[in-house]
């Protein structure tokens, strides 16, 4: 009985660790393929708000976005 429970707990732990690393790898691949935001998106967003952004403002926004990722 104790042996069976130990095998179950060890199996769950191993499965959780493997699942964590596999999901991490999949998310890294997804974010590399589809980045969350880039300079063109920031520029389009600011132009929709009625502002003509210069490169300094775009760089500031990119640094702020990278800080929270």
PDB file of N, CA and C in Angstrom:
ATOM      1  N   UNK A   1       0.823  -1.193   0.000  1.00  0.00           N
ATOM      2  CA  UNK A   1       0.000   0.000   0.000  1.00  0.00           C
ATOM      3  C   UNK A   1       0.872   1.263   0.000  1.00  0.00           C
ATOM      4  N   UNK A   2       1.812   1.315   0.918  1.00  0.00           N
ATOM      5  CA  UNK A   2       2.707   2.469   1.000  1.00  0.00           C
ATOM      6  C   UNK A   2       3.573   2.573  -0.250  1.00  0.00           C
ATOM      7  N   UNK A   3       3.994   1.453  -0.749  1.00  0.00           N
ATOM      8  CA  UNK A   3       4.813   1.397  -1.968  1.00  0.00           C
ATOM      9  C   UNK A   3       4.039   1.970  -3.160  1.00  0.00           C
ATOM     10  N   UNK A   4       2.770   1.631  -3.278  1.00  0.00           N
ATOM     11  CA  UNK A   4       1.940   2.124  -4.381  1.00  0.00           C
ATOM     12  C   UNK A   4       1.742   3.639  -4.290  1.00  0.00           C
ATOM     13  N   UNK A   5       1.534   4.135  -3.092  1.00  0.00           N
ATOM     14  CA  UNK A   5       1.339   5.583  -2.903  1.00  0.00           C
ATOM     15  C   UNK A   5       2.626   6.338  -3.224  1.00  0.00           C
ATOM     16  N   UNK A   6       3.751   5.773  -2.860  1.00  0.00           N
ATOM     17  CA  UNK A   6       5.040   6.393  -3.138  1.00  0.00           C
ATOM     18  C   UNK A   6       5.280   6.466  -4.645  1.00  0.00           C
ATOM     19  N   UNK A   7       4.969   5.392  -5.342  1.00  0.00           N
ATOM     20  CA  UNK A   7       5.119   5.385  -6.801  1.00  0.00           C
ATOM     21  C   UNK A   7       4.197   6.436  -7.430  1.00  0.00           C
ATOM     22  N   UNK A   8       2.987   6.563  -6.940  1.00  0.00           N
ATOM     23  CA  UNK A   8       2.035   7.555  -7.446  1.00  0.00           C
ATOM     24  C   UNK A   8       2.545   8.983  -7.244  1.00  0.00           C
ATOM     25  N   UNK A   9       3.046   9.270  -6.059  1.00  0.00           N
ATOM     26  CA  UNK A   9       3.545  10.618  -5.761  1.00  0.00           C
ATOM     27  C   UNK A   9       4.777  10.937  -6.604  1.00  0.00           C
ATOM     28  N   UNK A  10       5.694   9.994  -6.728  1.00  0.00           N
ATOM     29  CA  UNK A  10       6.898  10.200  -7.537  1.00  0.00           C
ATOM     30  C   UNK A  10       6.506  10.390  -9.001  1.00  0.00           C
ATOM     31  N   UNK A  11       5.568   9.601  -9.482  1.00  0.00           N
ATOM     32  CA  UNK A  11       5.104   9.737 -10.860  1.00  0.00           C
ATOM     33  C   UNK A  11       4.465  11.094 -11.120  1.00  0.00           C
ATOM     34  N   UNK A  12       3.675  11.578 -10.174  1.00  0.00           N
ATOM     35  CA  UNK A  12       3.062  12.907 -10.315  1.00  0.00           C
ATOM     36  C   UNK A  12       4.116  14.005 -10.323  1.00  0.00           C
ATOM     37  N   UNK A  13       5.098  13.907  -9.462  1.00  0.00           N
ATOM     38  CA  UNK A  13       6.166  14.900  -9.433  1.00  0.00           C
ATOM     39  C   UNK A  13       6.960  14.919 -10.734  1.00  0.00           C
ATOM     40  N   UNK A  14       7.308  13.749 -11.219  1.00  0.00           N
ATOM     41  CA  UNK A  14       8.054  13.678 -12.485  1.00  0.00           C
ATOM     42  C   UNK A  14       7.212  14.237 -13.626  1.00  0.00           C
ATOM     43  N   UNK A  15       5.937  13.899 -13.662  1.00  0.00           N
ATOM     44  CA  UNK A  15       5.044  14.419 -14.693  1.00  0.00           C
ATOM     45  C   UNK A  15       4.910  15.927 -14.631  1.00  0.00           C
ATOM     46  N   UNK A  16       4.832  16.478 -13.426  1.00  0.00           N
ATOM     47  CA  UNK A  16       4.720  17.930 -13.275  1.00  0.00           C
ATOM     48  C   UNK A  16       5.984  18.633 -13.758  1.00  0.00           C
ATOM     49  N   UNK A  17       7.146  18.077 -13.437  1.00  0.00           N
ATOM     50  CA  UNK A  17       8.406  18.686 -13.869  1.00  0.00           C
ATOM     51  C   UNK A  17       8.537  18.626 -15.382  1.00  0.00           C
ATOM     52  N   UNK A  18       8.245  17.482 -15.970  1.00  0.00           N
ATOM     53  CA  UNK A  18       8.324  17.346 -17.429  1.00  0.00           C
ATOM     54  C   UNK A  18       7.308  18.280 -18.095  1.00  0.00           C
ATOM     55  N   UNK A  19       6.099  18.345 -17.575  1.00  0.00           N
ATOM     56  CA  UNK A  19       5.074  19.233 -18.125  1.00  0.00           C
ATOM     57  C   UNK A  19       5.478  20.686 -18.052  1.00  0.00           C
ATOM     58  N   UNK A  20       6.122  21.083 -16.963  1.00  0.00           N
ATOM     59  CA  UNK A  20       6.579  22.465 -16.818  1.00  0.00           C
ATOM     60  C   UNK A  20       7.583  22.818 -17.904  1.00  0.00           C
ATOM     61  N   UNK A  21       8.580  21.973 -18.107  1.00  0.00           N
ATOM     62  CA  UNK A  21       9.617  22.280 -19.089  1.00  0.00           C
ATOM     63  C   UNK A  21       9.090  22.229 -20.522  1.00  0.00           C
ATOM     64  N   UNK A  22       8.201  21.295 -20.810  1.00  0.00           N
ATOM     65  CA  UNK A  22       7.623  21.224 -22.153  1.00  0.00           C
ATOM     66  C   UNK A  22       6.777  22.465 -22.433  1.00  0.00           C
ATOM     67  N   UNK A  23       5.937  22.866 -21.482  1.00  0.00           N
ATOM     68  CA  UNK A  23       5.100  24.052 -21.700  1.00  0.00           C
ATOM     69  C   UNK A  23       5.952  25.314 -21.785  1.00  0.00           C
ATOM     70  N   UNK A  24       7.031  25.378 -21.041  1.00  0.00           N
ATOM     71  CA  UNK A  24       7.941  26.521 -21.116  1.00  0.00           C
ATOM     72  C   UNK A  24       8.586  26.614 -22.500  1.00  0.00           C
ATOM     73  N   UNK A  25       9.010  25.466 -23.032  1.00  0.00           N
ATOM     74  CA  UNK A  25       9.619  25.434 -24.347  1.00  0.00           C
ATOM     75  C   UNK A  25       8.613  25.854 -25.429  1.00  0.00           C
ATOM     76  N   UNK A  26       7.381  25.384 -25.315  1.00  0.00           N
ATOM     77  CA  UNK A  26       6.350  25.735 -26.287  1.00  0.00           C
ATOM     78  C   UNK A  26       6.053  27.234 -26.229  1.00  0.00           C
ATOM     79  N   UNK A  27       5.961  27.804 -25.038  1.00  0.00           N
ATOM     80  CA  UNK A  27       5.680  29.239 -24.916  1.00  0.00           C
ATOM     81  C   UNK A  27       6.823  30.083 -25.454  1.00  0.00           C
ATOM     82  N   UNK A  28       8.060  29.683 -25.217  1.00  0.00           N
ATOM     83  CA  UNK A  28       9.200  30.429 -25.761  1.00  0.00           C
ATOM     84  C   UNK A  28       9.167  30.417 -27.284  1.00  0.00           C
ATOM     85  N   UNK A  29       8.864  29.272 -27.863  1.00  0.00           N
ATOM     86  CA  UNK A  29       8.786  29.167 -29.318  1.00  0.00           C
ATOM     87  C   UNK A  29       7.652  30.043 -29.852  1.00  0.00           C
ATOM     88  N   UNK A  30       6.506  30.033 -29.167  1.00  0.00           N
ATOM     89  CA  UNK A  30       5.363  30.838 -29.595  1.00  0.00           C
ATOM     90  C   UNK A  30       5.682  32.334 -29.517  1.00  0.00           C
ATOM     91  N   UNK A  31       6.304  32.770 -28.431  1.00  0.00           N
ATOM     92  CA  UNK A  31       6.620  34.191 -28.277  1.00  0.00           C
ATOM     93  C   UNK A  31       7.693  34.637 -29.255  1.00  0.00           C
ATOM     94  N   UNK A  32       8.597  33.752 -29.632  1.00  0.00           N
ATOM     95  CA  UNK A  32       9.603  34.103 -30.626  1.00  0.00           C
ATOM     96  C   UNK A  32       8.943  34.269 -31.996  1.00  0.00           C
ATOM     97  N   UNK A  33       7.987  33.405 -32.291  1.00  0.00           N
ATOM     98  CA  UNK A  33       7.294  33.460 -33.579  1.00  0.00           C
ATOM     99  C   UNK A  33       6.295  34.620 -33.631  1.00  0.00           C
ATOM    100  N   UNK A  34       5.610  34.890 -32.531  1.00  0.00           N
ATOM    101  CA  UNK A  34       4.599  35.948 -32.453  1.00  0.00           C
ATOM    102  C   UNK A  34       4.926  36.889 -31.293  1.00  0.00           C
ATOM    103  N   UNK A  35       5.830  37.829 -31.505  1.00  0.00           N
ATOM    104  CA  UNK A  35       6.187  38.715 -30.396  1.00  0.00           C
ATOM    105  C   UNK A  35       4.979  39.535 -29.951  1.00  0.00           C
ATOM    106  N   UNK A  36       4.883  39.825 -28.657  1.00  0.00           N
ATOM    107  CA  UNK A  36       3.699  40.494 -28.137  1.00  0.00           C
ATOM    108  C   UNK A  36       3.514  41.905 -28.690  1.00  0.00           C
ATOM    109  N   UNK A  37       4.577  42.651 -28.886  1.00  0.00           N
ATOM    110  CA  UNK A  37       4.446  44.011 -29.410  1.00  0.00           C
ATOM    111  C   UNK A  37       5.793  44.420 -30.003  1.00  0.00           C
ATOM    112  N   UNK A  38       5.738  45.217 -31.063  1.00  0.00           N
ATOM    113  CA  UNK A  38       6.972  45.692 -31.679  1.00  0.00           C
ATOM    114  C   UNK A  38       6.851  47.187 -31.975  1.00  0.00           C
ATOM    115  N   UNK A  39       7.891  47.754 -32.558  1.00  0.00           N
ATOM    116  CA  UNK A  39       7.929  49.200 -32.794  1.00  0.00           C
ATOM    117  C   UNK A  39       6.825  49.653 -33.730  1.00  0.00           C
ATOM    118  N   UNK A  40       6.528  48.859 -34.748  1.00  0.00           N
ATOM    119  CA  UNK A  40       5.476  49.245 -35.690  1.00  0.00           C
ATOM    120  C   UNK A  40       4.113  49.314 -35.011  1.00  0.00           C
ATOM    121  N   UNK A  41       3.856  48.388 -34.104  1.00  0.00           N
ATOM    122  CA  UNK A  41       2.586  48.398 -33.376  1.00  0.00           C
ATOM    123  C   UNK A  41       2.477  49.633 -32.487  1.00  0.00           C
ATOM    124  N   UNK A  42       3.569  49.982 -31.822  1.00  0.00           N
ATOM    125  CA  UNK A  42       3.561  51.164 -30.962  1.00  0.00           C
ATOM    126  C   UNK A  42       3.336  52.411 -31.800  1.00  0.00           C
ATOM    127  N   UNK A  43       4.005  52.486 -32.938  1.00  0.00           N
ATOM    128  CA  UNK A  43       3.858  53.643 -33.821  1.00  0.00           C
ATOM    129  C   UNK A  43       2.414  53.768 -34.313  1.00  0.00           C
ATOM    130  N   UNK A  44       1.819  52.650 -34.728  1.00  0.00           N
ATOM    131  CA  UNK A  44       0.433  52.673 -35.198  1.00  0.00           C
ATOM    132  C   UNK A  44      -0.514  53.072 -34.074  1.00  0.00           C
ATOM    133  N   UNK A  45      -0.270  52.568 -32.877  1.00  0.00           N
ATOM    134  CA  UNK A  45      -1.121  52.896 -31.734  1.00  0.00           C
ATOM    135  C   UNK A  45      -1.058  54.386 -31.417  1.00  0.00           C
ATOM    136  N   UNK A  46       0.139  54.956 -31.415  1.00  0.00           N
ATOM    137  CA  UNK A  46       0.281  56.386 -31.107  1.00  0.00           C
ATOM    138  C   UNK A  46      -0.337  57.249 -32.211  1.00  0.00           C
ATOM    139  N   UNK A  47      -0.226  56.795 -33.462  1.00  0.00           N
ATOM    140  CA  UNK A  47      -0.822  57.564 -34.550  1.00  0.00           C
ATOM    141  C   UNK A  47      -2.350  57.505 -34.487  1.00  0.00           C
ATOM    142  N   UNK A  48      -2.913  56.402 -34.016  1.00  0.00           N
ATOM    143  CA  UNK A  48      -4.354  56.305 -33.836  1.00  0.00           C
ATOM    144  C   UNK A  48      -4.839  57.249 -32.747  1.00  0.00           C
ATOM    145  N   UNK A  49      -3.983  57.507 -31.781  1.00  0.00           N
ATOM    146  CA  UNK A  49      -4.336  58.439 -30.705  1.00  0.00           C
ATOM    147  C   UNK A  49      -4.127  59.887 -31.134  1.00  0.00           C
ATOM    148  N   UNK A  50      -3.658  60.097 -32.352  1.00  0.00           N
ATOM    149  CA  UNK A  50      -3.494  61.455 -32.852  1.00  0.00           C
ATOM    150  C   UNK A  50      -2.127  62.053 -32.577  1.00  0.00           C
ATOM    151  N   UNK A  51      -1.139  61.231 -32.286  1.00  0.00           N
ATOM    152  CA  UNK A  51       0.216  61.722 -32.023  1.00  0.00           C
ATOM    153  C   UNK A  51       1.146  61.234 -33.110  1.00  0.00           C
ATOM    154  N   UNK A  52       2.074  62.064 -33.486  1.00  0.00           N
ATOM    155  CA  UNK A  52       3.108  61.680 -34.447  1.00  0.00           C
ATOM    156  C   UNK A  52       4.358  61.351 -33.629  1.00  0.00           C
ATOM    157  N   UNK A  53       4.617  60.063 -33.372  1.00  0.00           N
ATOM    158  CA  UNK A  53       5.732  59.710 -32.491  1.00  0.00           C
ATOM    159  C   UNK A  53       7.080  59.839 -33.201  1.00  0.00           C
ATOM    160  N   UNK A  54       8.080  60.264 -32.430  1.00  0.00           N
ATOM    161  CA  UNK A  54       9.441  60.234 -32.969  1.00  0.00           C
ATOM    162  C   UNK A  54      10.132  58.976 -32.439  1.00  0.00           C
ATOM    163  N   UNK A  55      11.322  58.717 -32.918  1.00  0.00           N
ATOM    164  CA  UNK A  55      12.019  57.470 -32.568  1.00  0.00           C
ATOM    165  C   UNK A  55      12.339  57.396 -31.076  1.00  0.00           C
ATOM    166  N   UNK A  56      12.597  58.541 -30.451  1.00  0.00           N
ATOM    167  CA  UNK A  56      12.905  58.555 -29.015  1.00  0.00           C
ATOM    168  C   UNK A  56      11.701  58.069 -28.210  1.00  0.00           C
ATOM    169  N   UNK A  57      10.502  58.535 -28.572  1.00  0.00           N
ATOM    170  CA  UNK A  57       9.299  58.112 -27.860  1.00  0.00           C
ATOM    171  C   UNK A  57       9.028  56.622 -28.070  1.00  0.00           C
ATOM    172  N   UNK A  58       9.265  56.148 -29.281  1.00  0.00           N
ATOM    173  CA  UNK A  58       9.060  54.729 -29.561  1.00  0.00           C
ATOM    174  C   UNK A  58      10.039  53.884 -28.746  1.00  0.00           C
ATOM    175  N   UNK A  59      11.301  54.329 -28.674  1.00  0.00           N
ATOM    176  CA  UNK A  59      12.300  53.594 -27.889  1.00  0.00           C
ATOM    177  C   UNK A  59      11.932  53.577 -26.414  1.00  0.00           C
ATOM    178  N   UNK A  60      11.409  54.696 -25.889  1.00  0.00           N
ATOM    179  CA  UNK A  60      10.986  54.746 -24.491  1.00  0.00           C
ATOM    180  C   UNK A  60       9.864  53.753 -24.231  1.00  0.00           C
ATOM    181  N   UNK A  61       8.905  53.688 -25.140  1.00  0.00           N
ATOM    182  CA  UNK A  61       7.792  52.754 -24.980  1.00  0.00           C
ATOM    183  C   UNK A  61       8.276  51.298 -25.045  1.00  0.00           C
ATOM    184  N   UNK A  62       9.218  51.021 -25.948  1.00  0.00           N
ATOM    185  CA  UNK A  62       9.751  49.652 -26.072  1.00  0.00           C
ATOM    186  C   UNK A  62      10.478  49.250 -24.784  1.00  0.00           C
ATOM    187  N   UNK A  63      11.261  50.159 -24.229  1.00  0.00           N
ATOM    188  CA  UNK A  63      11.954  49.852 -22.964  1.00  0.00           C
ATOM    189  C   UNK A  63      10.949  49.615 -21.847  1.00  0.00           C
ATOM    190  N   UNK A  64       9.893  50.418 -21.815  1.00  0.00           N
ATOM    191  CA  UNK A  64       8.870  50.237 -20.779  1.00  0.00           C
ATOM    192  C   UNK A  64       8.159  48.889 -20.953  1.00  0.00           C
ATOM    193  N   UNK A  65       7.889  48.489 -22.179  1.00  0.00           N
ATOM    194  CA  UNK A  65       7.220  47.216 -22.423  1.00  0.00           C
ATOM    195  C   UNK A  65       8.147  46.053 -22.080  1.00  0.00           C
ATOM    196  N   UNK A  66       9.425  46.149 -22.402  1.00  0.00           N
ATOM    197  CA  UNK A  66      10.358  45.069 -22.089  1.00  0.00           C
ATOM    198  C   UNK A  66      10.576  44.925 -20.596  1.00  0.00           C
ATOM    199  N   UNK A  67      10.439  46.021 -19.879  1.00  0.00           N
ATOM    200  CA  UNK A  67      10.625  45.996 -18.430  1.00  0.00           C
ATOM    201  C   UNK A  67       9.585  45.115 -17.761  1.00  0.00           C
ATOM    202  N   UNK A  68       8.370  45.068 -18.310  1.00  0.00           N
ATOM    203  CA  UNK A  68       7.283  44.312 -17.692  1.00  0.00           C
ATOM    204  C   UNK A  68       7.091  42.931 -18.298  1.00  0.00           C
ATOM    205  N   UNK A  69       7.988  42.494 -19.167  1.00  0.00           N
ATOM    206  CA  UNK A  69       7.849  41.152 -19.748  1.00  0.00           C
ATOM    207  C   UNK A  69       8.703  40.171 -19.015  1.00  0.00           C
TER     208      UNK A  69
END
